[in-house]
Amino acid sequence: MKKAVETNKSEFRAEARFQRCSPQKAKLVLDMIRGLHVEKAITTVRFSSKRIAPVVEKVLRSAVANAQNLAEERGLDIDVDDLYVKTAVANEGPRMKRIRPAPMGRAFRYQHRIAHIIITVAEKKAAAPAPVAEVETPAVKASGKPAAKKAVAAKSPAKKTAAKKAPAKKAVAK
């Protein structure tokens, strides 16, 4: 049912195949969690009322467990609190073709759709603040002193003319 795969050094994935739900319905749940931190994604899925939500939660927890296990095996430094849902997709599996009896000896075909759910989690790297370099303006280079800043006058909003009221209609005397 579940399959552990490591795609990159910091990406971990789990999949649940042959789930009895259409991919379109599974995508409704997966769209809610894509891009979220793992803790928030688990909370979101837990309170979802969709029938496929428990399966999605199980796959998500499996992806986090894969991250922990593979990090220990490979000696990687993975912080589970920094994991987020990188990709969450539901691909279509094989369809089960069935026949329903119809009037006058006929038969109607219908298909049960099956989904393959794949979730990839990755570690979100904290963005290091870029060093801010001082940029010298031409005025600073020439004189060695900072140039005086010009005050920009704020525009006052234009006044709108009041709309004219239509004269009241006079009551017709009978």
N, C-alpha and C. Protein backbone atom coordinates (compact mmCIF):
# COMPACT_ATOMS: atom_id res chain seq x y z
N MET A 1 0.82 -1.19 0.00
CA MET A 1 0.00 0.00 0.00
C MET A 1 0.86 1.25 0.00
N LYS A 2 1.86 1.32 0.87
CA LYS A 2 2.70 2.50 0.95
C LYS A 2 4.09 2.15 0.42
N LYS A 3 4.73 3.13 -0.13
CA LYS A 3 6.02 2.91 -0.71
C LYS A 3 6.92 4.07 -0.32
N ALA A 4 8.11 3.80 0.18
CA ALA A 4 9.04 4.85 0.60
C ALA A 4 10.06 5.08 -0.50
N VAL A 5 10.23 6.33 -0.87
CA VAL A 5 11.19 6.68 -1.90
C VAL A 5 11.86 7.98 -1.49
N GLU A 6 13.18 8.05 -1.64
CA GLU A 6 13.90 9.29 -1.40
C GLU A 6 14.25 9.86 -2.76
N THR A 7 13.77 11.08 -3.06
CA THR A 7 14.06 11.66 -4.36
C THR A 7 15.36 12.44 -4.35
N ASN A 8 15.52 13.38 -3.44
CA ASN A 8 16.76 14.12 -3.28
C ASN A 8 17.24 13.94 -1.85
N LYS A 9 18.28 14.64 -1.48
CA LYS A 9 18.78 14.55 -0.12
C LYS A 9 17.77 15.10 0.88
N SER A 10 16.98 16.09 0.49
CA SER A 10 16.07 16.71 1.46
C SER A 10 14.60 16.51 1.09
N GLU A 11 14.30 15.64 0.15
CA GLU A 11 12.91 15.36 -0.24
C GLU A 11 12.59 13.89 0.06
N PHE A 12 11.42 13.67 0.65
CA PHE A 12 11.00 12.32 1.00
C PHE A 12 9.57 12.14 0.56
N ARG A 13 9.23 10.93 0.11
CA ARG A 13 7.90 10.75 -0.46
C ARG A 13 7.28 9.45 0.00
N ALA A 14 5.97 9.43 -0.03
CA ALA A 14 5.20 8.22 0.26
C ALA A 14 4.02 8.20 -0.69
N GLU A 15 3.57 7.00 -1.02
CA GLU A 15 2.43 6.90 -1.93
C GLU A 15 1.51 5.77 -1.50
N ALA A 16 0.24 5.98 -1.76
CA ALA A 16 -0.78 4.96 -1.54
C ALA A 16 -1.40 4.69 -2.89
N ARG A 17 -1.30 3.46 -3.33
CA ARG A 17 -1.79 3.13 -4.67
C ARG A 17 -3.09 2.36 -4.59
N PHE A 18 -3.85 2.42 -5.66
CA PHE A 18 -5.10 1.68 -5.83
C PHE A 18 -6.12 2.03 -4.74
N GLN A 19 -6.33 3.31 -4.51
CA GLN A 19 -7.33 3.75 -3.53
C GLN A 19 -8.67 3.90 -4.22
N ARG A 20 -9.73 3.39 -3.61
CA ARG A 20 -11.06 3.39 -4.22
C ARG A 20 -11.70 4.76 -4.07
N CYS A 21 -11.18 5.71 -4.78
CA CYS A 21 -11.72 7.07 -4.81
C CYS A 21 -11.29 7.67 -6.13
N SER A 22 -12.11 8.51 -6.70
CA SER A 22 -11.70 9.11 -7.97
C SER A 22 -10.60 10.14 -7.70
N PRO A 23 -9.67 10.28 -8.63
CA PRO A 23 -8.59 11.25 -8.45
C PRO A 23 -9.11 12.67 -8.28
N GLN A 24 -10.21 12.99 -8.94
CA GLN A 24 -10.78 14.33 -8.83
C GLN A 24 -11.20 14.63 -7.39
N LYS A 25 -11.79 13.68 -6.71
CA LYS A 25 -12.20 13.88 -5.32
C LYS A 25 -11.00 13.91 -4.39
N ALA A 26 -9.97 13.12 -4.68
CA ALA A 26 -8.77 13.13 -3.85
C ALA A 26 -8.02 14.45 -4.00
N LYS A 27 -8.06 15.03 -5.19
CA LYS A 27 -7.36 16.30 -5.42
C LYS A 27 -7.97 17.44 -4.60
N LEU A 28 -9.25 17.35 -4.26
CA LEU A 28 -9.87 18.38 -3.43
C LEU A 28 -9.20 18.45 -2.06
N VAL A 29 -8.84 17.30 -1.50
CA VAL A 29 -8.17 17.27 -0.20
C VAL A 29 -6.70 17.65 -0.36
N LEU A 30 -6.05 17.15 -1.40
CA LEU A 30 -4.64 17.42 -1.60
C LEU A 30 -4.36 18.88 -1.88
N ASP A 31 -5.29 19.57 -2.54
CA ASP A 31 -5.11 20.99 -2.81
C ASP A 31 -5.10 21.81 -1.52
N MET A 32 -5.80 21.32 -0.49
CA MET A 32 -5.85 22.05 0.78
C MET A 32 -4.51 22.01 1.51
N ILE A 33 -3.73 20.95 1.33
CA ILE A 33 -2.51 20.80 2.13
C ILE A 33 -1.23 21.14 1.38
N ARG A 34 -1.29 21.31 0.08
CA ARG A 34 -0.09 21.56 -0.70
C ARG A 34 0.56 22.87 -0.27
N GLY A 35 1.84 22.81 0.09
CA GLY A 35 2.58 24.00 0.48
C GLY A 35 2.54 24.31 1.97
N LEU A 36 1.76 23.58 2.75
CA LEU A 36 1.65 23.84 4.19
C LEU A 36 2.75 23.10 4.95
N HIS A 37 3.04 23.58 6.17
CA HIS A 37 3.92 22.83 7.06
C HIS A 37 3.20 21.54 7.43
N VAL A 38 3.96 20.51 7.77
CA VAL A 38 3.40 19.18 7.99
C VAL A 38 2.39 19.17 9.13
N GLU A 39 2.70 19.85 10.23
CA GLU A 39 1.79 19.86 11.38
C GLU A 39 0.44 20.48 11.00
N LYS A 40 0.50 21.60 10.29
CA LYS A 40 -0.74 22.27 9.89
C LYS A 40 -1.50 21.43 8.86
N ALA A 41 -0.77 20.74 8.01
CA ALA A 41 -1.41 19.90 6.99
C ALA A 41 -2.13 18.72 7.65
N ILE A 42 -1.52 18.11 8.66
CA ILE A 42 -2.16 16.99 9.35
C ILE A 42 -3.42 17.46 10.06
N THR A 43 -3.36 18.63 10.67
CA THR A 43 -4.54 19.19 11.34
C THR A 43 -5.64 19.49 10.33
N THR A 44 -5.28 20.03 9.19
CA THR A 44 -6.26 20.36 8.16
C THR A 44 -6.95 19.11 7.64
N VAL A 45 -6.18 18.06 7.39
CA VAL A 45 -6.75 16.83 6.86
C VAL A 45 -7.61 16.13 7.91
N ARG A 46 -7.18 16.19 9.16
CA ARG A 46 -7.93 15.52 10.23
C ARG A 46 -9.34 16.08 10.35
N PHE A 47 -9.51 17.39 10.14
CA PHE A 47 -10.82 18.00 10.28
C PHE A 47 -11.57 18.12 8.96
N SER A 48 -11.06 17.50 7.93
CA SER A 48 -11.75 17.49 6.64
C SER A 48 -12.87 16.43 6.69
N SER A 49 -13.98 16.72 6.03
CA SER A 49 -15.11 15.80 6.06
C SER A 49 -15.14 14.87 4.85
N LYS A 50 -14.12 14.92 4.01
CA LYS A 50 -14.08 14.06 2.83
C LYS A 50 -13.73 12.62 3.21
N ARG A 51 -14.24 11.67 2.44
CA ARG A 51 -14.04 10.25 2.75
C ARG A 51 -12.59 9.82 2.55
N ILE A 52 -11.87 10.48 1.66
CA ILE A 52 -10.48 10.10 1.37
C ILE A 52 -9.50 10.74 2.36
N ALA A 53 -9.95 11.64 3.22
CA ALA A 53 -9.07 12.38 4.13
C ALA A 53 -8.25 11.48 5.06
N PRO A 54 -8.82 10.42 5.67
CA PRO A 54 -7.98 9.56 6.50
C PRO A 54 -6.85 8.87 5.74
N VAL A 55 -7.08 8.54 4.49
CA VAL A 55 -6.04 7.92 3.68
C VAL A 55 -4.93 8.93 3.40
N VAL A 56 -5.32 10.17 3.10
CA VAL A 56 -4.34 11.23 2.84
C VAL A 56 -3.51 11.49 4.09
N GLU A 57 -4.18 11.50 5.25
CA GLU A 57 -3.45 11.71 6.50
C GLU A 57 -2.44 10.59 6.74
N LYS A 58 -2.82 9.36 6.44
CA LYS A 58 -1.93 8.22 6.63
C LYS A 58 -0.72 8.31 5.72
N VAL A 59 -0.93 8.74 4.47
CA VAL A 59 0.18 8.89 3.53
C VAL A 59 1.10 10.02 3.99
N LEU A 60 0.51 11.10 4.48
CA LEU A 60 1.31 12.23 4.95
C LEU A 60 2.17 11.83 6.16
N ARG A 61 1.58 11.11 7.09
CA ARG A 61 2.35 10.63 8.25
C ARG A 61 3.44 9.64 7.80
N SER A 62 3.16 8.85 6.79
CA SER A 62 4.14 7.91 6.27
C SER A 62 5.32 8.66 5.63
N ALA A 63 5.05 9.75 4.93
CA ALA A 63 6.12 10.54 4.32
C ALA A 63 7.01 11.16 5.40
N VAL A 64 6.41 11.60 6.50
CA VAL A 64 7.20 12.16 7.60
C VAL A 64 8.05 11.06 8.26
N ALA A 65 7.46 9.88 8.44
CA ALA A 65 8.22 8.77 9.01
C ALA A 65 9.36 8.34 8.08
N ASN A 66 9.11 8.38 6.77
CA ASN A 66 10.18 8.08 5.81
C ASN A 66 11.32 9.08 5.95
N ALA A 67 10.97 10.33 6.16
CA ALA A 67 12.00 11.37 6.32
C ALA A 67 12.85 11.09 7.56
N GLN A 68 12.18 10.71 8.66
CA GLN A 68 12.93 10.43 9.89
C GLN A 68 13.82 9.20 9.72
N ASN A 69 13.28 8.13 9.17
CA ASN A 69 14.06 6.89 9.03
C ASN A 69 15.23 7.05 8.07
N LEU A 70 14.99 7.63 6.92
CA LEU A 70 16.07 7.78 5.95
C LEU A 70 17.12 8.78 6.43
N ALA A 71 16.70 9.78 7.22
CA ALA A 71 17.66 10.73 7.77
C ALA A 71 18.58 10.03 8.76
N GLU A 72 18.03 9.11 9.57
CA GLU A 72 18.86 8.37 10.52
C GLU A 72 19.81 7.41 9.80
N GLU A 73 19.31 6.75 8.76
CA GLU A 73 20.15 5.81 8.02
C GLU A 73 21.30 6.50 7.32
N ARG A 74 21.02 7.62 6.68
CA ARG A 74 22.02 8.31 5.88
C ARG A 74 22.84 9.32 6.70
N GLY A 75 22.44 9.54 7.95
CA GLY A 75 23.16 10.50 8.79
C GLY A 75 22.87 11.95 8.42
N LEU A 76 21.69 12.20 7.86
CA LEU A 76 21.32 13.57 7.49
C LEU A 76 20.76 14.29 8.70
N ASP A 77 20.89 15.59 8.70
CA ASP A 77 20.35 16.40 9.79
C ASP A 77 19.01 16.98 9.33
N ILE A 78 17.92 16.27 9.61
CA ILE A 78 16.58 16.69 9.19
C ILE A 78 15.80 17.09 10.43
N ASP A 79 15.21 18.29 10.38
CA ASP A 79 14.34 18.75 11.46
C ASP A 79 12.90 18.56 11.01
N VAL A 80 12.15 17.72 11.71
CA VAL A 80 10.78 17.40 11.32
C VAL A 80 9.88 18.63 11.38
N ASP A 81 10.21 19.57 12.27
CA ASP A 81 9.39 20.78 12.38
C ASP A 81 9.51 21.69 11.16
N ASP A 82 10.59 21.52 10.39
CA ASP A 82 10.79 22.35 9.20
C ASP A 82 10.27 21.70 7.93
N LEU A 83 9.65 20.52 8.02
CA LEU A 83 9.15 19.85 6.83
C LEU A 83 7.85 20.50 6.36
N TYR A 84 7.69 20.57 5.06
CA TYR A 84 6.45 21.06 4.46
C TYR A 84 6.06 20.15 3.30
N VAL A 85 4.81 20.24 2.89
CA VAL A 85 4.30 19.41 1.80
C VAL A 85 4.72 20.06 0.49
N LYS A 86 5.68 19.46 -0.17
CA LYS A 86 6.18 20.04 -1.42
C LYS A 86 5.24 19.73 -2.58
N THR A 87 4.92 18.45 -2.75
CA THR A 87 3.96 18.07 -3.79
C THR A 87 2.94 17.12 -3.22
N ALA A 88 1.74 17.21 -3.71
CA ALA A 88 0.66 16.30 -3.32
C ALA A 88 -0.20 16.10 -4.57
N VAL A 89 -0.13 14.91 -5.15
CA VAL A 89 -0.85 14.64 -6.39
C VAL A 89 -1.66 13.36 -6.28
N ALA A 90 -2.71 13.30 -7.06
CA ALA A 90 -3.53 12.10 -7.17
C ALA A 90 -3.59 11.74 -8.65
N ASN A 91 -2.91 10.68 -9.01
CA ASN A 91 -2.92 10.21 -10.39
C ASN A 91 -3.99 9.14 -10.57
N GLU A 92 -4.41 8.97 -11.81
CA GLU A 92 -5.45 7.98 -12.07
C GLU A 92 -4.86 6.59 -12.22
N GLY A 93 -5.51 5.64 -11.59
CA GLY A 93 -5.11 4.25 -11.70
C GLY A 93 -6.01 3.54 -12.69
N PRO A 94 -5.98 2.22 -12.70
CA PRO A 94 -6.85 1.49 -13.62
C PRO A 94 -8.32 1.64 -13.22
N ARG A 95 -9.19 1.58 -14.19
CA ARG A 95 -10.63 1.70 -13.92
C ARG A 95 -11.24 0.31 -13.87
N MET A 96 -12.19 0.15 -12.96
CA MET A 96 -12.91 -1.12 -12.90
C MET A 96 -14.20 -0.96 -13.70
N LYS A 97 -14.34 -1.76 -14.73
CA LYS A 97 -15.53 -1.67 -15.58
C LYS A 97 -16.60 -2.59 -15.02
N ARG A 98 -17.78 -2.04 -14.86
CA ARG A 98 -18.90 -2.80 -14.32
C ARG A 98 -20.11 -2.61 -15.23
N ILE A 99 -21.10 -3.52 -15.08
CA ILE A 99 -22.32 -3.45 -15.90
C ILE A 99 -23.52 -3.43 -14.97
N ARG A 100 -24.44 -2.50 -15.27
CA ARG A 100 -25.68 -2.39 -14.50
C ARG A 100 -26.84 -2.81 -15.40
N PRO A 101 -27.72 -3.65 -14.92
CA PRO A 101 -28.88 -4.04 -15.74
C PRO A 101 -29.76 -2.83 -16.06
N ALA A 102 -30.27 -2.82 -17.27
CA ALA A 102 -31.11 -1.72 -17.74
C ALA A 102 -32.42 -2.30 -18.26
N PRO A 103 -33.40 -1.46 -18.51
CA PRO A 103 -34.70 -1.96 -18.98
C PRO A 103 -34.61 -2.67 -20.34
N MET A 104 -35.53 -3.55 -20.55
CA MET A 104 -35.69 -4.27 -21.81
C MET A 104 -34.45 -5.09 -22.18
N GLY A 105 -33.80 -5.69 -21.20
CA GLY A 105 -32.68 -6.59 -21.47
C GLY A 105 -31.38 -5.90 -21.82
N ARG A 106 -31.34 -4.61 -21.70
CA ARG A 106 -30.10 -3.89 -22.02
C ARG A 106 -29.18 -3.87 -20.81
N ALA A 107 -27.97 -3.34 -21.01
CA ALA A 107 -27.02 -3.19 -19.91
C ALA A 107 -26.29 -1.86 -20.06
N PHE A 108 -26.13 -1.15 -18.95
CA PHE A 108 -25.38 0.10 -18.93
C PHE A 108 -24.02 -0.15 -18.31
N ARG A 109 -22.97 0.38 -18.94
CA ARG A 109 -21.62 0.26 -18.37
C ARG A 109 -21.33 1.45 -17.48
N TYR A 110 -20.64 1.21 -16.40
CA TYR A 110 -20.12 2.30 -15.59
C TYR A 110 -18.74 1.91 -15.10
N GLN A 111 -17.98 2.90 -14.63
CA GLN A 111 -16.59 2.65 -14.26
C GLN A 111 -16.33 3.17 -12.85
N HIS A 112 -15.67 2.35 -12.05
CA HIS A 112 -15.19 2.78 -10.74
C HIS A 112 -13.77 3.29 -10.95
N ARG A 113 -13.53 4.53 -10.58
CA ARG A 113 -12.20 5.10 -10.75
C ARG A 113 -11.33 4.81 -9.53
N ILE A 114 -10.03 4.71 -9.76
CA ILE A 114 -9.06 4.40 -8.72
C ILE A 114 -7.95 5.45 -8.77
N ALA A 115 -7.46 5.85 -7.59
CA ALA A 115 -6.44 6.90 -7.52
C ALA A 115 -5.15 6.37 -6.90
N HIS A 116 -4.04 6.91 -7.38
CA HIS A 116 -2.73 6.72 -6.76
C HIS A 116 -2.38 8.06 -6.11
N ILE A 117 -2.22 8.08 -4.80
CA ILE A 117 -1.95 9.32 -4.07
C ILE A 117 -0.46 9.37 -3.74
N ILE A 118 0.21 10.46 -4.12
CA ILE A 118 1.64 10.62 -3.90
C ILE A 118 1.87 11.94 -3.17
N ILE A 119 2.57 11.89 -2.03
CA ILE A 119 2.88 13.10 -1.26
C ILE A 119 4.39 13.15 -1.05
N THR A 120 4.97 14.31 -1.36
CA THR A 120 6.39 14.54 -1.15
C THR A 120 6.57 15.64 -0.13
N VAL A 121 7.37 15.38 0.89
CA VAL A 121 7.69 16.41 1.88
C VAL A 121 9.16 16.78 1.74
N ALA A 122 9.47 18.03 2.02
CA ALA A 122 10.85 18.52 1.92
C ALA A 122 11.12 19.44 3.09
N GLU A 123 12.39 19.64 3.35
CA GLU A 123 12.77 20.53 4.44
C GLU A 123 12.88 21.94 3.90
N LYS A 124 12.20 22.86 4.56
CA LYS A 124 12.24 24.25 4.14
C LYS A 124 13.46 24.89 4.78
N LYS A 125 14.34 25.34 3.94
CA LYS A 125 15.55 25.98 4.44
C LYS A 125 15.24 27.40 4.86
N ALA A 126 15.76 27.82 6.01
CA ALA A 126 15.57 29.19 6.47
C ALA A 126 16.41 30.10 5.59
N ALA A 127 15.78 31.13 5.08
CA ALA A 127 16.49 32.05 4.19
C ALA A 127 17.45 32.90 5.00
N ALA A 128 18.72 32.83 4.64
CA ALA A 128 19.73 33.63 5.34
C ALA A 128 19.62 35.07 4.87
N PRO A 129 19.67 36.03 5.80
CA PRO A 129 19.57 37.42 5.38
C PRO A 129 20.77 37.82 4.54
N ALA A 130 20.50 38.44 3.41
CA ALA A 130 21.56 38.85 2.50
C ALA A 130 22.27 40.07 3.08
N PRO A 131 23.58 40.14 2.94
CA PRO A 131 24.30 41.30 3.46
C PRO A 131 23.93 42.54 2.66
N VAL A 132 23.68 43.62 3.38
CA VAL A 132 23.26 44.86 2.74
C VAL A 132 24.50 45.70 2.51
N ALA A 133 24.80 45.98 1.27
CA ALA A 133 25.95 46.81 0.92
C ALA A 133 25.49 48.25 0.77
N GLU A 134 26.33 49.16 1.25
CA GLU A 134 25.98 50.57 1.12
C GLU A 134 26.23 51.01 -0.30
N VAL A 135 25.24 51.62 -0.88
CA VAL A 135 25.34 52.11 -2.24
C VAL A 135 25.59 53.60 -2.17
N GLU A 136 26.70 54.03 -2.78
CA GLU A 136 27.03 55.45 -2.75
C GLU A 136 26.41 56.12 -3.96
N THR A 137 25.75 57.24 -3.69
CA THR A 137 25.16 58.03 -4.78
C THR A 137 26.23 58.93 -5.35
N PRO A 138 26.04 59.45 -6.54
CA PRO A 138 27.05 60.34 -7.15
C PRO A 138 27.36 61.55 -6.27
N ALA A 139 26.36 62.06 -5.52
CA ALA A 139 26.60 63.23 -4.69
C ALA A 139 27.53 62.88 -3.53
N VAL A 140 27.43 61.69 -3.02
CA VAL A 140 28.29 61.27 -1.90
C VAL A 140 29.72 61.08 -2.39
N LYS A 141 29.87 60.54 -3.60
CA LYS A 141 31.21 60.30 -4.13
C LYS A 141 31.95 61.61 -4.35
N ALA A 142 31.26 62.60 -4.88
CA ALA A 142 31.93 63.85 -5.24
C ALA A 142 32.31 64.66 -4.01
N SER A 143 31.38 64.85 -3.09
CA SER A 143 31.64 65.74 -1.97
C SER A 143 32.05 65.01 -0.71
N GLY A 144 31.75 63.73 -0.64
CA GLY A 144 32.04 62.99 0.57
C GLY A 144 30.96 63.13 1.61
N LYS A 145 29.97 63.99 1.35
CA LYS A 145 28.84 64.19 2.27
C LYS A 145 27.58 63.63 1.62
N PRO A 146 26.65 63.13 2.45
CA PRO A 146 25.41 62.64 1.85
C PRO A 146 24.60 63.79 1.26
N ALA A 147 23.94 63.49 0.15
CA ALA A 147 23.11 64.49 -0.51
C ALA A 147 21.85 64.73 0.30
N ALA A 148 21.37 65.94 0.27
CA ALA A 148 20.16 66.29 1.01
C ALA A 148 18.96 65.65 0.33
N LYS A 149 18.07 65.12 1.15
CA LYS A 149 16.89 64.49 0.59
C LYS A 149 15.83 65.54 0.34
N LYS A 150 15.19 65.42 -0.80
CA LYS A 150 14.12 66.35 -1.14
C LYS A 150 12.81 65.82 -0.59
N ALA A 151 12.08 66.71 0.04
CA ALA A 151 10.78 66.32 0.58
C ALA A 151 9.77 66.27 -0.56
N VAL A 152 9.03 65.24 -0.60
CA VAL A 152 8.02 65.09 -1.63
C VAL A 152 6.69 65.52 -1.03
N ALA A 153 6.08 66.50 -1.66
CA ALA A 153 4.79 67.00 -1.17
C ALA A 153 3.72 65.97 -1.47
N ALA A 154 2.95 65.67 -0.46
CA ALA A 154 1.86 64.71 -0.64
C ALA A 154 0.70 65.40 -1.33
N LYS A 155 0.12 64.73 -2.29
CA LYS A 155 -1.02 65.31 -3.00
C LYS A 155 -2.26 65.18 -2.15
N SER A 156 -3.03 66.23 -2.11
CA SER A 156 -4.29 66.17 -1.39
C SER A 156 -5.34 65.61 -2.33
N PRO A 157 -6.24 64.82 -1.79
CA PRO A 157 -7.25 64.23 -2.67
C PRO A 157 -8.17 65.31 -3.25
N ALA A 158 -8.51 65.11 -4.50
CA ALA A 158 -9.38 66.08 -5.19
C ALA A 158 -10.78 66.00 -4.60
N LYS A 159 -11.41 67.18 -4.48
CA LYS A 159 -12.76 67.22 -3.93
C LYS A 159 -13.75 66.82 -5.01
N LYS A 160 -14.71 66.02 -4.60
CA LYS A 160 -15.75 65.61 -5.55
C LYS A 160 -16.96 66.50 -5.35
N THR A 161 -17.58 66.81 -6.46
CA THR A 161 -18.77 67.64 -6.36
C THR A 161 -19.94 66.78 -5.90
N ALA A 162 -20.80 67.38 -5.13
CA ALA A 162 -21.94 66.64 -4.62
C ALA A 162 -22.92 66.36 -5.75
N ALA A 163 -23.51 65.21 -5.72
CA ALA A 163 -24.48 64.84 -6.75
C ALA A 163 -25.77 65.62 -6.52
N LYS A 164 -26.36 66.06 -7.62
CA LYS A 164 -27.60 66.83 -7.50
C LYS A 164 -28.76 65.88 -7.23
N LYS A 165 -29.60 66.31 -6.32
CA LYS A 165 -30.77 65.51 -6.00
C LYS A 165 -31.90 65.79 -6.98
N ALA A 166 -32.60 64.76 -7.33
CA ALA A 166 -33.75 64.92 -8.24
C ALA A 166 -34.89 65.54 -7.46
N PRO A 167 -35.62 66.44 -8.08
CA PRO A 167 -36.76 67.06 -7.36
C PRO A 167 -37.80 66.01 -7.00
N ALA A 168 -38.39 66.16 -5.85
CA ALA A 168 -39.41 65.21 -5.39
C ALA A 168 -40.64 65.33 -6.25
N LYS A 169 -41.30 64.21 -6.48
CA LYS A 169 -42.52 64.21 -7.30
C LYS A 169 -43.69 64.72 -6.45
N LYS A 170 -44.47 65.49 -7.10
CA LYS A 170 -45.65 66.05 -6.38
C LYS A 170 -46.78 65.05 -6.45
N ALA A 171 -47.49 64.97 -5.33
CA ALA A 171 -48.62 64.05 -5.26
C ALA A 171 -49.76 64.59 -6.11
N VAL A 172 -50.43 63.74 -6.83
CA VAL A 172 -51.54 64.14 -7.69
C VAL A 172 -52.78 64.23 -6.83
N ALA A 173 -53.46 65.38 -6.85
CA ALA A 173 -54.69 65.58 -6.07
C ALA A 173 -55.87 64.98 -6.80
N LYS A 174 -56.77 64.32 -6.10
CA LYS A 174 -57.94 63.71 -6.71
C LYS A 174 -59.18 64.45 -6.31
